Amino acid sequence: MGSMLDLHLHSSHSDGTMTPEALVEMAHGRGLVLVSITDHDTVSGTGEALAAGRRHGVRVISGLELSVSWRDYHLHLLAYDFDWQNDALQSGLRVLQEARAQRNGKIIDKLVSLGLPVSEEALRTFTGGGQTGRPHIARLLVAKRVVGSIDQAFAGYLRKGACAYVSRYVFPADQACTLIHGAGGIAVLAHPGQLALPQDELAGLLGELKEQGLDGLETFYPTQRGKQLRQLRALADRFQLLETGGSDYHGDIRPGTRMAGGPDFRVPGEILAGLQHRWETDEQQSVGSKSQ
């Protein structure tokens, strides 16, 4: 079965290059029935995405990607199917957005001190009004011909340990899970294969995160294949975590990635079945609570 869904997309409201409207229209053209736009630390494109979904006949669920910490681990959590206008969630996102803004200024200051032709004003031309982060600064460095590619920008200036790197505040994983659950959503560990952990260490981490409220695992991801995919699916089953999947599509900023995958990557329809089971269970619990 071809891919029916893509639950990991980024729009121009964070570090993608396409609007939410354009992403949903593309999803419709490719026959997808379910998508989620998971921008970094913002839900500002959610209203547009939901409206586009209604117009194009594509189910859109709210989504979000949060950078979080747990012990010495730096992780990404995906949030799905939550009330994107929830007051506590909006307040928490404002904290993260302010932390991003402060870090951006410090990075620009470091780059200027190195004699590079950058400024916060120039950076704003690469954001499209959305959340600004290191990928936008990398694009600025490419545009100014400081480096030849985004990868070079990160390697030379922006990644941890590089000369212009600045850390930023992120929520601990347990706090992030609480925030997501408070808005009625589910918390999913994104692209676990990128952690490059031994199987037993990853299992230990998942056990800890499960205790903190983790609901799911992004088992289907473009770089997670073969034996690694089988191991991740086994871990999801072991810890009773909902399986999700997506392409991490950012538009033309990441050549080689396609919405819903390509010849070598598909999110199977059974993932949709698992999500539908969750929705049916939630509806039954809601009806039961109202009848008591």
C-alpha atoms as a PDB file:
ATOM      1  CA  MET A   1       0.000   0.000   0.000  1.00  0.00           C
ATOM      2  CA  GLY A   2       1.272   3.479  -0.848  1.00  0.00           C
ATOM      3  CA  SER A   3       1.796   6.058   1.820  1.00  0.00           C
ATOM      4  CA  MET A   4      -1.486   7.533   3.036  1.00  0.00           C
ATOM      5  CA  LEU A   5      -0.117   9.972   5.558  1.00  0.00           C
ATOM      6  CA  ASP A   6       2.795  12.158   6.557  1.00  0.00           C
ATOM      7  CA  LEU A   7       2.987  13.276  10.161  1.00  0.00           C
ATOM      8  CA  HIS A   8       6.258  15.195  10.033  1.00  0.00           C
ATOM      9  CA  LEU A   9       6.177  18.299   7.848  1.00  0.00           C
ATOM     10  CA  HIS A  10       7.667  21.759   8.310  1.00  0.00           C
ATOM     11  CA  SER A  11       6.289  24.971   6.865  1.00  0.00           C
ATOM     12  CA  SER A  12       7.501  28.518   6.389  1.00  0.00           C
ATOM     13  CA  HIS A  13       6.272  29.220   9.925  1.00  0.00           C
ATOM     14  CA  SER A  14       9.507  27.590  11.120  1.00  0.00           C
ATOM     15  CA  ASP A  15      12.329  26.269   8.941  1.00  0.00           C
ATOM     16  CA  GLY A  16      10.420  24.969   5.924  1.00  0.00           C
ATOM     17  CA  THR A  17      10.041  26.795   2.616  1.00  0.00           C
ATOM     18  CA  MET A  18       6.356  26.157   1.819  1.00  0.00           C
ATOM     19  CA  THR A  19       3.258  27.671   3.381  1.00  0.00           C
ATOM     20  CA  PRO A  20       0.841  25.408   5.270  1.00  0.00           C
ATOM     21  CA  GLU A  21      -1.681  25.940   2.468  1.00  0.00           C
ATOM     22  CA  ALA A  22       0.821  24.782  -0.149  1.00  0.00           C
ATOM     23  CA  LEU A  23       1.795  21.725   1.905  1.00  0.00           C
ATOM     24  CA  VAL A  24      -1.816  20.610   2.291  1.00  0.00           C
ATOM     25  CA  GLU A  25      -2.469  21.208  -1.403  1.00  0.00           C
ATOM     26  CA  MET A  26       0.573  19.048  -2.223  1.00  0.00           C
ATOM     27  CA  ALA A  27      -0.692  16.355   0.146  1.00  0.00           C
ATOM     28  CA  HIS A  28      -4.042  16.356  -1.637  1.00  0.00           C
ATOM     29  CA  GLY A  29      -2.311  16.046  -5.002  1.00  0.00           C
ATOM     30  CA  ARG A  30      -0.381  13.013  -3.756  1.00  0.00           C
ATOM     31  CA  GLY A  31      -3.461  11.295  -2.411  1.00  0.00           C
ATOM     32  CA  LEU A  32      -2.666  11.624   1.285  1.00  0.00           C
ATOM     33  CA  VAL A  33      -5.572  11.392   3.709  1.00  0.00           C
ATOM     34  CA  LEU A  34      -3.832  12.564   6.892  1.00  0.00           C
ATOM     35  CA  VAL A  35      -1.044  15.080   7.515  1.00  0.00           C
ATOM     36  CA  SER A  36       0.386  17.098  10.371  1.00  0.00           C
ATOM     37  CA  ILE A  37       2.555  20.192  10.150  1.00  0.00           C
ATOM     38  CA  THR A  38       5.044  19.972  12.999  1.00  0.00           C
ATOM     39  CA  ASP A  39       6.798  23.318  13.051  1.00  0.00           C
ATOM     40  CA  HIS A  40       9.446  24.026  15.666  1.00  0.00           C
ATOM     41  CA  ASP A  41       8.143  25.698  18.835  1.00  0.00           C
ATOM     42  CA  THR A  42       5.161  27.273  17.076  1.00  0.00           C
ATOM     43  CA  VAL A  43       1.593  26.509  16.053  1.00  0.00           C
ATOM     44  CA  SER A  44       1.145  29.772  14.154  1.00  0.00           C
ATOM     45  CA  GLY A  45       0.463  27.929  10.894  1.00  0.00           C
ATOM     46  CA  THR A  46      -2.113  25.541  12.333  1.00  0.00           C
ATOM     47  CA  GLY A  47      -5.210  27.583  11.567  1.00  0.00           C
ATOM     48  CA  GLU A  48      -4.159  27.960   7.941  1.00  0.00           C
ATOM     49  CA  ALA A  49      -3.393  24.237   7.681  1.00  0.00           C
ATOM     50  CA  LEU A  50      -6.734  23.181   9.164  1.00  0.00           C
ATOM     51  CA  ALA A  51      -8.641  25.488   6.820  1.00  0.00           C
ATOM     52  CA  ALA A  52      -6.694  24.162   3.833  1.00  0.00           C
ATOM     53  CA  GLY A  53      -7.459  20.616   4.910  1.00  0.00           C
ATOM     54  CA  ARG A  54     -11.183  21.333   4.898  1.00  0.00           C
ATOM     55  CA  ARG A  55     -10.965  22.836   1.411  1.00  0.00           C
ATOM     56  CA  HIS A  56      -8.927  19.998  -0.057  1.00  0.00           C
ATOM     57  CA  GLY A  57     -10.512  17.061   1.754  1.00  0.00           C
ATOM     58  CA  VAL A  58      -7.365  16.139   3.677  1.00  0.00           C
ATOM     59  CA  ARG A  59      -7.533  15.420   7.390  1.00  0.00           C
ATOM     60  CA  VAL A  60      -5.092  17.723   9.166  1.00  0.00           C
ATOM     61  CA  ILE A  61      -4.263  17.233  12.826  1.00  0.00           C
ATOM     62  CA  SER A  62      -2.453  19.807  14.908  1.00  0.00           C
ATOM     63  CA  GLY A  63       1.264  19.210  15.248  1.00  0.00           C
ATOM     64  CA  LEU A  64       4.367  20.640  16.860  1.00  0.00           C
ATOM     65  CA  GLU A  65       8.037  19.724  17.290  1.00  0.00           C
ATOM     66  CA  LEU A  66       9.752  20.598  20.554  1.00  0.00           C
ATOM     67  CA  SER A  67      13.424  20.321  21.419  1.00  0.00           C
ATOM     68  CA  VAL A  68      13.665  18.873  24.923  1.00  0.00           C
ATOM     69  CA  SER A  69      16.264  17.633  27.365  1.00  0.00           C
ATOM     70  CA  TRP A  70      16.357  14.533  29.514  1.00  0.00           C
ATOM     71  CA  ARG A  71      19.419  13.887  31.631  1.00  0.00           C
ATOM     72  CA  ASP A  72      22.277  14.283  29.121  1.00  0.00           C
ATOM     73  CA  TYR A  73      20.099  13.599  26.098  1.00  0.00           C
ATOM     74  CA  HIS A  74      19.016  16.245  23.611  1.00  0.00           C
ATOM     75  CA  LEU A  75      15.763  15.046  22.072  1.00  0.00           C
ATOM     76  CA  HIS A  76      12.906  16.133  19.841  1.00  0.00           C
ATOM     77  CA  LEU A  77       9.301  15.483  20.811  1.00  0.00           C
ATOM     78  CA  LEU A  78       6.466  15.585  18.317  1.00  0.00           C
ATOM     79  CA  ALA A  79       3.066  16.622  19.653  1.00  0.00           C
ATOM     80  CA  TYR A  80      -0.113  15.636  17.852  1.00  0.00           C
ATOM     81  CA  ASP A  81      -3.846  16.178  17.905  1.00  0.00           C
ATOM     82  CA  PHE A  82      -3.993  18.808  20.656  1.00  0.00           C
ATOM     83  CA  ASP A  83      -5.916  22.018  21.243  1.00  0.00           C
ATOM     84  CA  TRP A  84      -3.519  24.398  19.550  1.00  0.00           C
ATOM     85  CA  GLN A  85      -5.184  27.409  21.191  1.00  0.00           C
ATOM     86  CA  ASN A  86      -4.756  26.037  24.720  1.00  0.00           C
ATOM     87  CA  ASP A  87      -3.640  28.878  27.015  1.00  0.00           C
ATOM     88  CA  ALA A  88      -0.955  26.924  28.876  1.00  0.00           C
ATOM     89  CA  LEU A  89       0.483  25.621  25.613  1.00  0.00           C
ATOM     90  CA  GLN A  90       0.561  29.089  24.095  1.00  0.00           C
ATOM     91  CA  SER A  91       2.264  30.447  27.206  1.00  0.00           C
ATOM     92  CA  GLY A  92       4.881  27.695  27.119  1.00  0.00           C
ATOM     93  CA  LEU A  93       5.594  28.304  23.455  1.00  0.00           C
ATOM     94  CA  ARG A  94       6.129  31.997  24.120  1.00  0.00           C
ATOM     95  CA  VAL A  95       8.859  31.068  26.615  1.00  0.00           C
ATOM     96  CA  LEU A  96      10.589  28.935  23.984  1.00  0.00           C
ATOM     97  CA  GLN A  97      10.190  31.565  21.285  1.00  0.00           C
ATOM     98  CA  GLU A  98      11.779  34.204  23.483  1.00  0.00           C
ATOM     99  CA  ALA A  99      14.670  31.831  24.190  1.00  0.00           C
ATOM    100  CA  ARG A 100      15.111  31.381  20.440  1.00  0.00           C
ATOM    101  CA  ALA A 101      15.126  35.134  19.858  1.00  0.00           C
ATOM    102  CA  GLN A 102      17.754  35.676  22.550  1.00  0.00           C
ATOM    103  CA  ARG A 103      19.964  32.943  21.121  1.00  0.00           C
ATOM    104  CA  ASN A 104      19.648  34.297  17.581  1.00  0.00           C
ATOM    105  CA  GLY A 105      20.889  37.687  18.738  1.00  0.00           C
ATOM    106  CA  LYS A 106      23.864  36.140  20.511  1.00  0.00           C
ATOM    107  CA  ILE A 107      24.784  34.067  17.454  1.00  0.00           C
ATOM    108  CA  ILE A 108      24.614  37.123  15.204  1.00  0.00           C
ATOM    109  CA  ASP A 109      26.812  39.025  17.670  1.00  0.00           C
ATOM    110  CA  LYS A 110      29.404  36.238  17.535  1.00  0.00           C
ATOM    111  CA  LEU A 111      29.348  36.174  13.750  1.00  0.00           C
ATOM    112  CA  VAL A 112      29.734  39.958  13.576  1.00  0.00           C
ATOM    113  CA  SER A 113      32.678  39.747  15.981  1.00  0.00           C
ATOM    114  CA  LEU A 114      34.284  37.367  13.484  1.00  0.00           C
ATOM    115  CA  GLY A 115      33.971  40.036  10.817  1.00  0.00           C
ATOM    116  CA  LEU A 116      31.151  38.379   8.891  1.00  0.00           C
ATOM    117  CA  PRO A 117      28.634  40.521   6.949  1.00  0.00           C
ATOM    118  CA  VAL A 118      25.475  39.586   8.870  1.00  0.00           C
ATOM    119  CA  SER A 119      22.869  41.393  10.948  1.00  0.00           C
ATOM    120  CA  GLU A 120      19.549  40.682  12.639  1.00  0.00           C
ATOM    121  CA  GLU A 121      17.849  42.864  10.045  1.00  0.00           C
ATOM    122  CA  ALA A 122      19.293  40.750   7.232  1.00  0.00           C
ATOM    123  CA  LEU A 123      18.264  37.596   9.081  1.00  0.00           C
ATOM    124  CA  ARG A 124      14.627  38.679   9.112  1.00  0.00           C
ATOM    125  CA  THR A 125      14.518  38.460   5.316  1.00  0.00           C
ATOM    126  CA  PHE A 126      14.921  34.677   5.610  1.00  0.00           C
ATOM    127  CA  THR A 127      12.170  34.017   8.145  1.00  0.00           C
ATOM    128  CA  GLY A 128       8.981  34.882   6.292  1.00  0.00           C
ATOM    129  CA  GLY A 129       7.535  36.021   9.604  1.00  0.00           C
ATOM    130  CA  GLY A 130       7.897  32.590  11.192  1.00  0.00           C
ATOM    131  CA  GLN A 131      10.090  31.209  13.937  1.00  0.00           C
ATOM    132  CA  THR A 132      13.758  31.954  13.379  1.00  0.00           C
ATOM    133  CA  GLY A 133      16.510  29.490  14.195  1.00  0.00           C
ATOM    134  CA  ARG A 134      19.921  28.272  13.163  1.00  0.00           C
ATOM    135  CA  PRO A 135      18.721  27.012   9.747  1.00  0.00           C
ATOM    136  CA  HIS A 136      17.773  30.577   8.833  1.00  0.00           C
ATOM    137  CA  ILE A 137      21.164  31.863   9.980  1.00  0.00           C
ATOM    138  CA  ALA A 138      22.756  29.133   7.872  1.00  0.00           C
ATOM    139  CA  ARG A 139      20.794  30.323   4.839  1.00  0.00           C
ATOM    140  CA  LEU A 140      21.968  33.868   5.518  1.00  0.00           C
ATOM    141  CA  LEU A 141      25.594  32.714   5.595  1.00  0.00           C
ATOM    142  CA  VAL A 142      25.092  30.956   2.267  1.00  0.00           C
ATOM    143  CA  ALA A 143      23.441  34.048   0.758  1.00  0.00           C
ATOM    144  CA  LYS A 144      26.345  36.202   1.936  1.00  0.00           C
ATOM    145  CA  ARG A 145      28.754  33.682   0.362  1.00  0.00           C
ATOM    146  CA  VAL A 146      30.464  33.050   3.661  1.00  0.00           C
ATOM    147  CA  VAL A 147      29.950  29.331   3.048  1.00  0.00           C
ATOM    148  CA  GLY A 148      28.876  27.253   0.100  1.00  0.00           C
ATOM    149  CA  SER A 149      26.130  25.233   1.770  1.00  0.00           C
ATOM    150  CA  ILE A 150      23.945  24.963   4.835  1.00  0.00           C
ATOM    151  CA  ASP A 151      25.939  21.927   5.953  1.00  0.00           C
ATOM    152  CA  GLN A 152      29.123  24.009   5.812  1.00  0.00           C
ATOM    153  CA  ALA A 153      27.438  26.756   7.835  1.00  0.00           C
ATOM    154  CA  PHE A 154      26.596  24.321  10.604  1.00  0.00           C
ATOM    155  CA  ALA A 155      29.965  22.588  10.514  1.00  0.00           C
ATOM    156  CA  GLY A 156      31.960  25.798  10.565  1.00  0.00           C
ATOM    157  CA  TYR A 157      29.849  28.081  12.717  1.00  0.00           C
ATOM    158  CA  LEU A 158      26.549  26.822  14.126  1.00  0.00           C
ATOM    159  CA  ARG A 159      26.715  23.282  15.427  1.00  0.00           C
ATOM    160  CA  LYS A 160      27.614  22.509  19.023  1.00  0.00           C
ATOM    161  CA  GLY A 161      31.303  23.173  19.536  1.00  0.00           C
ATOM    162  CA  ALA A 162      31.587  25.533  16.560  1.00  0.00           C
ATOM    163  CA  CYS A 163      32.784  29.108  16.996  1.00  0.00           C
ATOM    164  CA  ALA A 164      29.353  30.783  16.887  1.00  0.00           C
ATOM    165  CA  TYR A 165      27.320  28.130  18.675  1.00  0.00           C
ATOM    166  CA  VAL A 166      25.010  29.298  21.459  1.00  0.00           C
ATOM    167  CA  SER A 167      22.812  26.988  23.508  1.00  0.00           C
ATOM    168  CA  ARG A 168      19.211  27.853  24.348  1.00  0.00           C
ATOM    169  CA  TYR A 169      16.653  26.974  26.970  1.00  0.00           C
ATOM    170  CA  VAL A 170      14.454  23.958  26.263  1.00  0.00           C
ATOM    171  CA  PHE A 171      11.875  22.196  28.403  1.00  0.00           C
ATOM    172  CA  PRO A 172      12.762  18.998  30.234  1.00  0.00           C
ATOM    173  CA  ALA A 173      10.987  16.051  28.617  1.00  0.00           C
ATOM    174  CA  ASP A 174       8.603  15.523  31.523  1.00  0.00           C
ATOM    175  CA  GLN A 175       7.511  19.163  31.480  1.00  0.00           C
ATOM    176  CA  ALA A 176       6.997  19.021  27.713  1.00  0.00           C
ATOM    177  CA  CYS A 177       4.857  15.883  28.028  1.00  0.00           C
ATOM    178  CA  THR A 178       2.756  17.547  30.712  1.00  0.00           C
ATOM    179  CA  LEU A 179       2.257  20.592  28.500  1.00  0.00           C
ATOM    180  CA  ILE A 180       1.221  18.426  25.538  1.00  0.00           C
ATOM    181  CA  HIS A 181      -1.141  16.279  27.600  1.00  0.00           C
ATOM    182  CA  GLY A 182      -2.666  19.369  29.176  1.00  0.00           C
ATOM    183  CA  ALA A 183      -3.692  20.470  25.698  1.00  0.00           C
ATOM    184  CA  GLY A 184      -5.181  17.035  24.990  1.00  0.00           C
ATOM    185  CA  GLY A 185      -2.377  15.809  22.733  1.00  0.00           C
ATOM    186  CA  ILE A 186       0.040  12.925  22.502  1.00  0.00           C
ATOM    187  CA  ALA A 187       3.835  13.098  22.854  1.00  0.00           C
ATOM    188  CA  VAL A 188       6.017  11.147  20.421  1.00  0.00           C
ATOM    189  CA  LEU A 189       9.809  10.774  20.336  1.00  0.00           C
ATOM    190  CA  ALA A 190      10.990  11.988  16.929  1.00  0.00           C
ATOM    191  CA  HIS A 191      13.534  10.196  14.696  1.00  0.00           C
ATOM    192  CA  PRO A 192      15.022   8.020  17.475  1.00  0.00           C
ATOM    193  CA  GLY A 193      17.546   6.577  15.045  1.00  0.00           C
ATOM    194  CA  GLN A 194      19.344   9.912  14.945  1.00  0.00           C
ATOM    195  CA  LEU A 195      20.318   9.420  18.579  1.00  0.00           C
ATOM    196  CA  ALA A 196      22.638   6.613  17.423  1.00  0.00           C
ATOM    197  CA  LEU A 197      22.292   4.795  20.749  1.00  0.00           C
ATOM    198  CA  PRO A 198      22.999   1.121  21.396  1.00  0.00           C
ATOM    199  CA  GLN A 199      19.773  -0.862  21.525  1.00  0.00           C
ATOM    200  CA  ASP A 200      19.900  -1.450  25.270  1.00  0.00           C
ATOM    201  CA  GLU A 201      20.571   2.223  25.997  1.00  0.00           C
ATOM    202  CA  LEU A 202      17.704   3.324  23.757  1.00  0.00           C
ATOM    203  CA  ALA A 203      15.432   0.839  25.500  1.00  0.00           C
ATOM    204  CA  GLY A 204      16.407   2.278  28.871  1.00  0.00           C
ATOM    205  CA  LEU A 205      15.743   5.800  27.646  1.00  0.00           C
ATOM    206  CA  LEU A 206      12.331   4.850  26.262  1.00  0.00           C
ATOM    207  CA  GLY A 207      11.435   3.221  29.551  1.00  0.00           C
ATOM    208  CA  GLU A 208      12.275   6.416  31.413  1.00  0.00           C
ATOM    209  CA  LEU A 209      10.411   8.607  28.930  1.00  0.00           C
ATOM    210  CA  LYS A 210       7.389   6.319  29.071  1.00  0.00           C
ATOM    211  CA  GLU A 211       7.257   6.942  32.816  1.00  0.00           C
ATOM    212  CA  GLN A 212       7.336  10.691  32.116  1.00  0.00           C
ATOM    213  CA  GLY A 213       4.388  10.517  29.747  1.00  0.00           C
ATOM    214  CA  LEU A 214       5.749   9.505  26.337  1.00  0.00           C
ATOM    215  CA  ASP A 215       2.934   8.125  24.177  1.00  0.00           C
ATOM    216  CA  GLY A 216       4.570   7.217  20.900  1.00  0.00           C
ATOM    217  CA  LEU A 217       7.658   6.566  18.809  1.00  0.00           C
ATOM    218  CA  GLU A 218       8.373   7.798  15.290  1.00  0.00           C
ATOM    219  CA  THR A 219       9.358   4.432  13.902  1.00  0.00           C
ATOM    220  CA  PHE A 220       8.912   5.282  10.220  1.00  0.00           C
ATOM    221  CA  TYR A 221      11.430   7.904   9.126  1.00  0.00           C
ATOM    222  CA  PRO A 222      13.501   8.139   5.910  1.00  0.00           C
ATOM    223  CA  THR A 223      16.819   7.135   7.494  1.00  0.00           C
ATOM    224  CA  GLN A 224      15.390   4.349   9.689  1.00  0.00           C
ATOM    225  CA  ARG A 225      15.346   1.232   7.552  1.00  0.00           C
ATOM    226  CA  GLY A 226      15.974  -2.489   7.572  1.00  0.00           C
ATOM    227  CA  LYS A 227      17.223  -3.894  10.854  1.00  0.00           C
ATOM    228  CA  GLN A 228      17.002  -0.540  12.615  1.00  0.00           C
ATOM    229  CA  LEU A 229      13.344  -0.144  11.649  1.00  0.00           C
ATOM    230  CA  ARG A 230      12.550  -3.641  12.882  1.00  0.00           C
ATOM    231  CA  GLN A 231      14.287  -2.924  16.191  1.00  0.00           C
ATOM    232  CA  LEU A 232      12.415   0.343  16.649  1.00  0.00           C
ATOM    233  CA  ARG A 233       9.081  -1.296  15.940  1.00  0.00           C
ATOM    234  CA  ALA A 234       9.912  -3.995  18.474  1.00  0.00           C
ATOM    235  CA  LEU A 235      10.684  -1.320  21.076  1.00  0.00           C
ATOM    236  CA  ALA A 236       7.414   0.452  20.331  1.00  0.00           C
ATOM    237  CA  ASP A 237       5.596  -2.822  20.911  1.00  0.00           C
ATOM    238  CA  ARG A 238       7.585  -3.576  24.069  1.00  0.00           C
ATOM    239  CA  PHE A 239       6.767  -0.232  25.667  1.00  0.00           C
ATOM    240  CA  GLN A 240       3.261  -0.024  24.202  1.00  0.00           C
ATOM    241  CA  LEU A 241       4.058   3.155  22.296  1.00  0.00           C
ATOM    242  CA  LEU A 242       1.932   4.336  19.404  1.00  0.00           C
ATOM    243  CA  GLU A 243       3.866   4.176  16.135  1.00  0.00           C
ATOM    244  CA  THR A 244       3.974   7.242  13.904  1.00  0.00           C
ATOM    245  CA  GLY A 245       5.912   8.235  10.828  1.00  0.00           C
ATOM    246  CA  GLY A 246       6.745  11.065   8.507  1.00  0.00           C
ATOM    247  CA  SER A 247       9.191  12.430   5.984  1.00  0.00           C
ATOM    248  CA  ASP A 248      10.494  15.501   7.867  1.00  0.00           C
ATOM    249  CA  TYR A 249       9.842  17.369   4.626  1.00  0.00           C
ATOM    250  CA  HIS A 250      11.048  20.981   4.635  1.00  0.00           C
ATOM    251  CA  GLY A 251      10.531  21.893   0.982  1.00  0.00           C
ATOM    252  CA  ASP A 252      13.372  22.607  -1.418  1.00  0.00           C
ATOM    253  CA  ILE A 253      15.744  23.501   1.415  1.00  0.00           C
ATOM    254  CA  ARG A 254      16.451  19.760   1.828  1.00  0.00           C
ATOM    255  CA  PRO A 255      17.063  18.205  -1.590  1.00  0.00           C
ATOM    256  CA  GLY A 256      16.346  14.502  -1.726  1.00  0.00           C
ATOM    257  CA  THR A 257      13.409  14.452   0.687  1.00  0.00           C
ATOM    258  CA  ARG A 258       9.825  14.170  -0.531  1.00  0.00           C
ATOM    259  CA  MET A 259       6.506  14.523   1.190  1.00  0.00           C
ATOM    260  CA  ALA A 260       5.202  11.041   2.013  1.00  0.00           C
ATOM    261  CA  GLY A 261       8.595   9.623   1.111  1.00  0.00           C
ATOM    262  CA  GLY A 262       9.786   8.217  -2.176  1.00  0.00           C
ATOM    263  CA  PRO A 263      10.683   4.894  -3.770  1.00  0.00           C
ATOM    264  CA  ASP A 264      12.663   3.800  -0.707  1.00  0.00           C
ATOM    265  CA  PHE A 265      10.412   5.127   2.051  1.00  0.00           C
ATOM    266  CA  ARG A 266       6.716   4.910   2.822  1.00  0.00           C
ATOM    267  CA  VAL A 267       4.648   5.366   5.967  1.00  0.00           C
ATOM    268  CA  PRO A 268       2.357   2.315   5.860  1.00  0.00           C
ATOM    269  CA  GLY A 269      -1.393   2.526   6.134  1.00  0.00           C
ATOM    270  CA  GLU A 270      -1.347   0.493   9.340  1.00  0.00           C
ATOM    271  CA  ILE A 271      -0.045   3.596  11.126  1.00  0.00           C
ATOM    272  CA  LEU A 272      -3.306   5.312  10.244  1.00  0.00           C
ATOM    273  CA  ALA A 273      -5.206   2.357  11.680  1.00  0.00           C
ATOM    274  CA  GLY A 274      -3.360   2.745  14.978  1.00  0.00           C
ATOM    275  CA  LEU A 275      -4.214   6.431  15.158  1.00  0.00           C
ATOM    276  CA  GLN A 276      -7.855   5.768  14.336  1.00  0.00           C
ATOM    277  CA  HIS A 277      -8.003   3.212  17.139  1.00  0.00           C
ATOM    278  CA  ARG A 278      -6.710   5.859  19.535  1.00  0.00           C
ATOM    279  CA  TRP A 279      -9.314   8.372  18.380  1.00  0.00           C
ATOM    280  CA  GLU A 280     -12.105   5.818  18.768  1.00  0.00           C
ATOM    281  CA  THR A 281     -10.886   4.948  22.269  1.00  0.00           C
ATOM    282  CA  ASP A 282     -10.754   8.629  23.232  1.00  0.00           C
ATOM    283  CA  GLU A 283     -14.282   9.171  21.925  1.00  0.00           C
ATOM    284  CA  GLN A 284     -15.585   6.196  23.889  1.00  0.00           C
ATOM    285  CA  GLN A 285     -13.919   7.445  27.068  1.00  0.00           C
ATOM    286  CA  SER A 286     -15.343  10.917  26.483  1.00  0.00           C
ATOM    287  CA  VAL A 287     -18.853   9.543  26.039  1.00  0.00           C
ATOM    288  CA  GLY A 288     -18.440   7.370  29.118  1.00  0.00           C
ATOM    289  CA  SER A 289     -17.284  10.267  31.285  1.00  0.00           C
ATOM    290  CA  LYS A 290     -20.212  12.417  30.157  1.00  0.00           C
ATOM    291  CA  SER A 291     -22.724   9.685  31.039  1.00  0.00           C
ATOM    292  CA  GLN A 292     -21.454   9.299  34.600  1.00  0.00           C
END
